[in-house]
Amino acid sequence: MANIETVTLDVADPAAAKRFYSTAFGLDTQVRLRASEAPATGFRGFTLSLTVSQPSTVDSLVRSALDAGATTLKPAAKSLWGYGGVVRAPDGTIWKIATSAKKDTGPATREIDDIVLLLGATDVAASKRFYVDQGLVVAKSFGRMYVEFADGPGPIKLGLYRRRALAKATGVSPEGSGSHRITIGGGTFTDPDGFAWEATESVPAF
């Protein structure tokens, strides 16, 4: 059964990226980094999300990300589903920080409840079938738009979102080509949209 144990981002400067993720989000072991100059233009087809408990924690993490060098794609704001914002890390990875709560219930913290990898799928139904064949269990499914898989023992959750809709939700154009610049640790296969999975031990840590 596939299970996301880590994600590895291909970046131009692993040392700088490591400083950013530690300073901005306090992420050390969950996100690995690998030096790469693989060409990539535009939207890379995925986002990483940090789910937190309340709006003040969203603001705290967004602020520390911007202070560490991220740029704003969508300012933190209320919506029908809660509160959140979207930033682009200096290495180009898109991060969403969000909560389903609309009001604070305590002092701001920097505690992250969940890390979610959303893959942009050209055909959500086909990608869903592919991942079910790899042993993943569907927790939620909304037609050809969105799929959420049940939590595994790994620290990172997986979801599928229609590529164009995912780009729109993060405030970028859906156009993009070249490398996804991400490798998923926890399996050995490549999905219909070209996202590569590797056994965790074969993915170098930085």
Protein backbone atom coordinates (compact mmCIF):
# COMPACT_ATOMS: atom_id res chain seq x y z
CA MET A 1 0.00 0.00 0.00
CA ALA A 2 1.33 3.41 -0.97
CA ASN A 3 1.79 5.79 1.92
CA ILE A 4 3.42 9.21 1.89
CA GLU A 5 6.29 9.20 4.35
CA THR A 6 8.11 12.24 2.92
CA VAL A 7 8.10 14.62 -0.01
CA THR A 8 11.33 15.71 -1.66
CA LEU A 9 11.45 19.07 -3.40
CA ASP A 10 13.94 19.69 -6.18
CA VAL A 11 15.49 23.10 -5.51
CA ALA A 12 18.39 25.14 -6.83
CA ASP A 13 19.85 25.78 -3.36
CA PRO A 14 19.04 23.10 -0.75
CA ALA A 15 20.78 24.97 2.09
CA ALA A 16 18.73 28.12 1.48
CA ALA A 17 15.52 26.11 1.12
CA LYS A 18 16.24 24.24 4.35
CA ARG A 19 16.63 27.56 6.19
CA PHE A 20 13.36 28.81 4.71
CA TYR A 21 11.27 25.78 5.69
CA SER A 22 12.70 25.64 9.18
CA THR A 23 12.22 29.38 9.77
CA ALA A 24 8.88 29.78 8.02
CA PHE A 25 7.02 26.64 9.09
CA GLY A 26 9.24 24.70 11.48
CA LEU A 27 9.43 21.83 8.98
CA ASP A 28 12.56 19.71 9.16
CA THR A 29 11.95 16.00 8.68
CA GLN A 30 8.72 16.01 6.64
CA VAL A 31 10.14 17.93 3.67
CA ARG A 32 13.38 16.75 2.08
CA LEU A 33 15.38 18.77 -0.41
CA ARG A 34 17.46 17.77 -3.40
CA ALA A 35 19.67 19.96 -5.60
CA SER A 36 18.27 20.12 -9.13
CA GLU A 37 18.31 22.40 -12.14
CA ALA A 38 15.54 20.46 -13.92
CA PRO A 39 13.64 22.90 -16.14
CA ALA A 40 10.19 23.86 -14.96
CA THR A 41 7.99 26.73 -16.07
CA GLY A 42 4.68 27.96 -14.69
CA PHE A 43 2.41 25.87 -12.50
CA ARG A 44 4.08 22.67 -11.31
CA GLY A 45 0.79 20.87 -10.86
CA PHE A 46 0.70 20.47 -7.07
CA THR A 47 0.35 22.37 -3.82
CA LEU A 48 1.28 21.61 -0.24
CA SER A 49 -1.11 22.68 2.49
CA LEU A 50 -0.69 23.22 6.22
CA THR A 51 -3.91 22.74 8.16
CA VAL A 52 -4.01 24.52 11.52
CA SER A 53 -6.52 25.09 14.31
CA GLN A 54 -7.42 28.79 14.09
CA PRO A 55 -7.03 32.02 12.09
CA SER A 56 -4.31 33.53 14.31
CA THR A 57 -2.10 30.50 13.64
CA VAL A 58 -2.66 30.96 9.89
CA ASP A 59 -1.57 34.59 10.26
CA SER A 60 1.50 33.61 12.28
CA LEU A 61 2.71 31.07 9.71
CA VAL A 62 1.93 33.29 6.73
CA ARG A 63 3.80 36.17 8.37
CA SER A 64 6.87 34.07 9.15
CA ALA A 65 6.86 32.70 5.58
CA LEU A 66 6.77 36.20 4.10
CA ASP A 67 9.49 37.36 6.49
CA ALA A 68 11.62 34.41 5.35
CA GLY A 69 11.28 35.34 1.67
CA ALA A 70 7.97 33.90 0.40
CA THR A 71 5.65 35.93 -1.82
CA THR A 72 1.89 36.29 -1.49
CA LEU A 73 -0.37 34.59 -4.03
CA LYS A 74 -3.58 35.03 -2.02
CA PRO A 75 -3.65 37.10 1.18
CA ALA A 76 -5.12 35.37 4.22
CA ALA A 77 -8.86 35.99 4.32
CA LYS A 78 -12.18 34.52 5.43
CA SER A 79 -14.15 32.31 3.06
CA LEU A 80 -17.18 30.03 3.15
CA TRP A 81 -15.03 27.14 4.38
CA GLY A 82 -12.88 28.98 6.94
CA TYR A 83 -9.78 31.16 6.78
CA GLY A 84 -6.56 30.84 4.82
CA GLY A 85 -3.92 32.26 2.52
CA VAL A 86 -1.52 31.07 -0.18
CA VAL A 87 2.18 31.85 -0.55
CA ARG A 88 4.95 30.81 -2.93
CA ALA A 89 8.22 29.73 -1.30
CA PRO A 90 11.51 31.09 -2.71
CA ASP A 91 12.08 27.72 -4.43
CA GLY A 92 8.75 28.08 -6.26
CA THR A 93 6.63 25.61 -4.27
CA ILE A 94 3.08 26.79 -3.56
CA TRP A 95 1.90 26.50 0.05
CA LYS A 96 -1.60 27.02 1.40
CA ILE A 97 -2.05 27.69 5.12
CA ALA A 98 -5.65 27.26 6.25
CA THR A 99 -8.12 26.46 9.01
CA SER A 100 -11.78 25.49 8.97
CA ALA A 101 -12.32 27.69 12.04
CA LYS A 102 -13.49 31.26 11.52
CA LYS A 103 -12.70 32.50 15.04
CA ASP A 104 -9.79 32.08 17.42
CA THR A 105 -10.36 29.92 20.48
CA GLY A 106 -7.05 30.67 22.17
CA PRO A 107 -3.66 32.33 21.73
CA ALA A 108 -1.86 31.95 18.43
CA THR A 109 0.48 28.99 18.11
CA ARG A 110 2.69 27.61 15.35
CA GLU A 111 1.32 24.09 15.67
CA ILE A 112 0.51 22.32 12.39
CA ASP A 113 -2.27 19.74 12.54
CA ASP A 114 -1.88 18.22 9.07
CA ILE A 115 0.27 18.45 5.95
CA VAL A 116 -1.67 17.76 2.76
CA LEU A 117 -0.23 17.16 -0.71
CA LEU A 118 -2.76 18.05 -3.42
CA LEU A 119 -1.90 16.74 -6.87
CA GLY A 120 -3.44 18.43 -9.87
CA ALA A 121 -4.97 15.71 -12.04
CA THR A 122 -5.91 16.06 -15.69
CA ASP A 123 -8.52 13.32 -15.20
CA VAL A 124 -9.43 12.98 -11.52
CA ALA A 125 -11.46 9.80 -12.03
CA ALA A 126 -8.61 8.04 -13.84
CA SER A 127 -6.07 9.12 -11.22
CA LYS A 128 -8.41 7.98 -8.45
CA ARG A 129 -8.62 4.51 -10.01
CA PHE A 130 -4.84 4.42 -10.33
CA TYR A 131 -4.27 5.23 -6.65
CA VAL A 132 -6.95 2.80 -5.49
CA ASP A 133 -5.07 0.14 -7.45
CA GLN A 134 -1.95 1.12 -5.46
CA GLY A 135 -3.84 0.34 -2.25
CA LEU A 136 -5.05 3.77 -1.15
CA VAL A 137 -8.54 4.04 0.32
CA VAL A 138 -10.86 6.85 -0.74
CA ALA A 139 -12.18 8.88 2.20
CA LYS A 140 -14.09 11.52 0.22
CA SER A 141 -14.86 11.91 -3.46
CA PHE A 142 -16.65 14.70 -5.29
CA GLY A 143 -17.14 13.46 -8.84
CA ARG A 144 -14.42 14.47 -11.25
CA MET A 145 -13.32 17.44 -9.15
CA TYR A 146 -11.75 16.26 -5.89
CA VAL A 147 -10.66 13.10 -4.08
CA GLU A 148 -9.31 12.77 -0.55
CA PHE A 149 -7.64 9.56 0.55
CA ALA A 150 -7.85 8.05 4.01
CA ASP A 151 -5.04 8.82 6.42
CA GLY A 152 -2.16 6.38 6.38
CA PRO A 153 0.55 5.96 9.01
CA GLY A 154 2.70 8.59 7.29
CA PRO A 155 2.70 12.28 8.28
CA ILE A 156 1.41 13.62 4.95
CA LYS A 157 -2.10 13.26 3.55
CA LEU A 158 -2.87 12.92 -0.16
CA GLY A 159 -5.62 14.43 -2.27
CA LEU A 160 -6.40 14.90 -5.96
CA TYR A 161 -7.86 18.07 -7.43
CA ARG A 162 -8.64 18.92 -11.03
CA ARG A 163 -5.52 20.67 -12.28
CA ARG A 164 -7.16 23.84 -13.62
CA ALA A 165 -9.29 24.20 -10.48
CA LEU A 166 -6.25 23.73 -8.23
CA ALA A 167 -4.35 26.45 -10.07
CA LYS A 168 -7.33 28.81 -9.83
CA ALA A 169 -7.71 28.12 -6.11
CA THR A 170 -4.11 29.13 -5.51
CA GLY A 171 -4.21 32.24 -7.70
CA VAL A 172 -1.95 31.12 -10.56
CA SER A 173 -2.34 30.24 -14.23
CA PRO A 174 -2.79 26.51 -14.89
CA GLU A 175 -0.20 26.59 -17.67
CA GLY A 176 3.11 24.93 -16.93
CA SER A 177 5.64 22.51 -18.36
CA GLY A 178 8.78 20.60 -17.45
CA SER A 179 9.57 18.93 -14.14
CA HIS A 180 7.06 18.81 -11.29
CA ARG A 181 10.09 19.29 -9.03
CA ILE A 182 8.71 16.94 -6.41
CA THR A 183 9.28 13.27 -5.57
CA ILE A 184 6.90 11.45 -3.24
CA GLY A 185 8.47 9.01 -0.79
CA GLY A 186 6.50 5.88 0.00
CA GLY A 187 6.05 3.81 -3.18
CA THR A 188 7.73 2.97 -6.48
CA PHE A 189 5.66 4.11 -9.45
CA THR A 190 4.67 7.12 -11.54
CA ASP A 191 1.04 8.26 -11.65
CA PRO A 192 -0.94 9.27 -14.79
CA ASP A 193 0.12 12.91 -14.42
CA GLY A 194 3.82 12.13 -14.14
CA PHE A 195 4.22 12.44 -10.36
CA ALA A 196 7.00 10.06 -9.36
CA TRP A 197 6.99 7.97 -6.19
CA GLU A 198 10.17 6.40 -4.84
CA ALA A 199 10.94 4.16 -1.91
CA THR A 200 11.74 6.47 0.99
CA GLU A 201 15.20 5.03 1.56
CA SER A 202 16.15 5.85 -2.05
CA VAL A 203 15.26 9.51 -1.67
CA PRO A 204 18.26 11.38 -0.22
CA ALA A 205 17.67 13.63 2.77
CA PHE A 206 19.24 17.05 3.06
